[in-house]
PDB file of N, CA and C in Angstrom:
ATOM      1  N   UNK A   1     275.407  31.849 -30.115  1.00  0.00           N
ATOM      2  CA  UNK A   1     275.205  30.929 -31.246  1.00  0.00           C
ATOM      3  C   UNK A   1     275.742  31.556 -32.524  1.00  0.00           C
ATOM      4  N   UNK A   2     276.139  30.717 -33.445  1.00  0.00           N
ATOM      5  CA  UNK A   2     276.691  31.206 -34.707  1.00  0.00           C
ATOM      6  C   UNK A   2     275.588  31.545 -35.690  1.00  0.00           C
ATOM      7  N   UNK A   3     275.764  32.624 -36.426  1.00  0.00           N
ATOM      8  CA  UNK A   3     274.745  33.006 -37.413  1.00  0.00           C
ATOM      9  C   UNK A   3     274.701  31.966 -38.529  1.00  0.00           C
ATOM     10  N   UNK A   4     275.881  31.472 -38.919  1.00  0.00           N
ATOM     11  CA  UNK A   4     275.918  30.465 -39.981  1.00  0.00           C
ATOM     12  C   UNK A   4     275.220  29.192 -39.523  1.00  0.00           C
ATOM     13  N   UNK A   5     275.390  28.859 -38.227  1.00  0.00           N
ATOM     14  CA  UNK A   5     274.756  27.649 -37.700  1.00  0.00           C
ATOM     15  C   UNK A   5     273.239  27.781 -37.775  1.00  0.00           C
ATOM     16  N   UNK A   6     272.725  28.958 -37.400  1.00  0.00           N
ATOM     17  CA  UNK A   6     271.273  29.190 -37.456  1.00  0.00           C
ATOM     18  C   UNK A   6     270.794  29.112 -38.901  1.00  0.00           C
ATOM     19  N   UNK A   7     271.537  29.750 -39.814  1.00  0.00           N
ATOM     20  CA  UNK A   7     271.125  29.729 -41.226  1.00  0.00           C
ATOM     21  C   UNK A   7     271.114  28.293 -41.748  1.00  0.00           C
ATOM     22  N   UNK A   8     272.124  27.515 -41.370  1.00  0.00           N
ATOM     23  CA  UNK A   8     272.201  26.133 -41.828  1.00  0.00           C
ATOM     24  C   UNK A   8     271.013  25.327 -41.297  1.00  0.00           C
ATOM     25  N   UNK A   9     270.674  25.547 -40.028  1.00  0.00           N
ATOM     26  CA  UNK A   9     269.553  24.809 -39.439  1.00  0.00           C
ATOM     27  C   UNK A   9     268.253  25.172 -40.139  1.00  0.00           C
ATOM     28  N   UNK A  10     268.058  26.473 -40.390  1.00  0.00           N
ATOM     29  CA  UNK A  10     266.821  26.913 -41.054  1.00  0.00           C
ATOM     30  C   UNK A  10     266.764  26.333 -42.462  1.00  0.00           C
ATOM     31  N   UNK A  11     267.917  26.313 -43.131  1.00  0.00           N
ATOM     32  CA  UNK A  11     267.935  25.775 -44.505  1.00  0.00           C
ATOM     33  C   UNK A  11     267.582  24.295 -44.497  1.00  0.00           C
ATOM     34  N   UNK A  12     268.162  23.538 -43.552  1.00  0.00           N
ATOM     35  CA  UNK A  12     267.867  22.110 -43.477  1.00  0.00           C
ATOM     36  C   UNK A  12     266.394  21.890 -43.164  1.00  0.00           C
ATOM     37  N   UNK A  13     265.849  22.704 -42.236  1.00  0.00           N
ATOM     38  CA  UNK A  13     264.445  22.546 -41.850  1.00  0.00           C
ATOM     39  C   UNK A  13     263.536  22.826 -43.051  1.00  0.00           C
ATOM     40  N   UNK A  14     263.819  23.915 -43.768  1.00  0.00           N
ATOM     41  CA  UNK A  14     262.974  24.270 -44.916  1.00  0.00           C
ATOM     42  C   UNK A  14     263.109  23.200 -46.002  1.00  0.00           C
ATOM     43  N   UNK A  15     264.332  22.691 -46.190  1.00  0.00           N
ATOM     44  CA  UNK A  15     264.540  21.672 -47.222  1.00  0.00           C
ATOM     45  C   UNK A  15     263.778  20.403 -46.871  1.00  0.00           C
ATOM     46  N   UNK A  16     263.875  19.971 -45.604  1.00  0.00           N
ATOM     47  CA  UNK A  16     263.171  18.746 -45.196  1.00  0.00           C
ATOM     48  C   UNK A  16     261.658  18.955 -45.306  1.00  0.00           C
ATOM     49  N   UNK A  17     261.193  20.161 -44.930  1.00  0.00           N
ATOM     50  CA  UNK A  17     259.752  20.448 -45.005  1.00  0.00           C
ATOM     51  C   UNK A  17     259.291  20.381 -46.457  1.00  0.00           C
ATOM     52  N   UNK A  18     260.099  20.951 -47.368  1.00  0.00           N
ATOM     53  CA  UNK A  18     259.740  20.944 -48.790  1.00  0.00           C
ATOM     54  C   UNK A  18     259.739  19.499 -49.309  1.00  0.00           C
ATOM     55  N   UNK A  19     260.733  18.712 -48.869  1.00  0.00           N
ATOM     56  CA  UNK A  19     260.837  17.320 -49.315  1.00  0.00           C
ATOM     57  C   UNK A  19     259.609  16.536 -48.855  1.00  0.00           C
ATOM     58  N   UNK A  20     259.180  16.766 -47.603  1.00  0.00           N
ATOM     59  CA  UNK A  20     257.999  16.063 -47.090  1.00  0.00           C
ATOM     60  C   UNK A  20     256.774  16.469 -47.901  1.00  0.00           C
ATOM     61  N   UNK A  21     256.679  17.744 -48.282  1.00  0.00           N
ATOM     62  CA  UNK A  21     255.549  18.208 -49.077  1.00  0.00           C
ATOM     63  C   UNK A  21     255.513  17.481 -50.417  1.00  0.00           C
ATOM     64  N   UNK A  22     256.698  17.298 -51.015  1.00  0.00           N
ATOM     65  CA  UNK A  22     256.731  16.591 -52.297  1.00  0.00           C
ATOM     66  C   UNK A  22     256.293  15.146 -52.101  1.00  0.00           C
ATOM     67  N   UNK A  23     256.728  14.527 -51.008  1.00  0.00           N
ATOM     68  CA  UNK A  23     256.345  13.134 -50.753  1.00  0.00           C
ATOM     69  C   UNK A  23     254.827  13.042 -50.593  1.00  0.00           C
ATOM     70  N   UNK A  24     254.241  14.000 -49.896  1.00  0.00           N
ATOM     71  CA  UNK A  24     252.786  13.972 -49.687  1.00  0.00           C
ATOM     72  C   UNK A  24     252.076  14.135 -51.031  1.00  0.00           C
ATOM     73  N   UNK A  25     252.622  15.013 -51.900  1.00  0.00           N
ATOM     74  CA  UNK A  25     252.010  15.210 -53.219  1.00  0.00           C
ATOM     75  C   UNK A  25     252.024  13.891 -53.992  1.00  0.00           C
ATOM     76  N   UNK A  26     253.158  13.187 -53.950  1.00  0.00           N
ATOM     77  CA  UNK A  26     253.250  11.924 -54.669  1.00  0.00           C
ATOM     78  C   UNK A  26     252.468  10.867 -53.904  1.00  0.00           C
TER      79      UNK A  26
END
């Protein structure tokens, strides 16, 4: 597996998780 691919997946996951947290706050 590509290291960049893993980093991209982790970044997307963390971003979506953060976005969901903001939605829950609102």
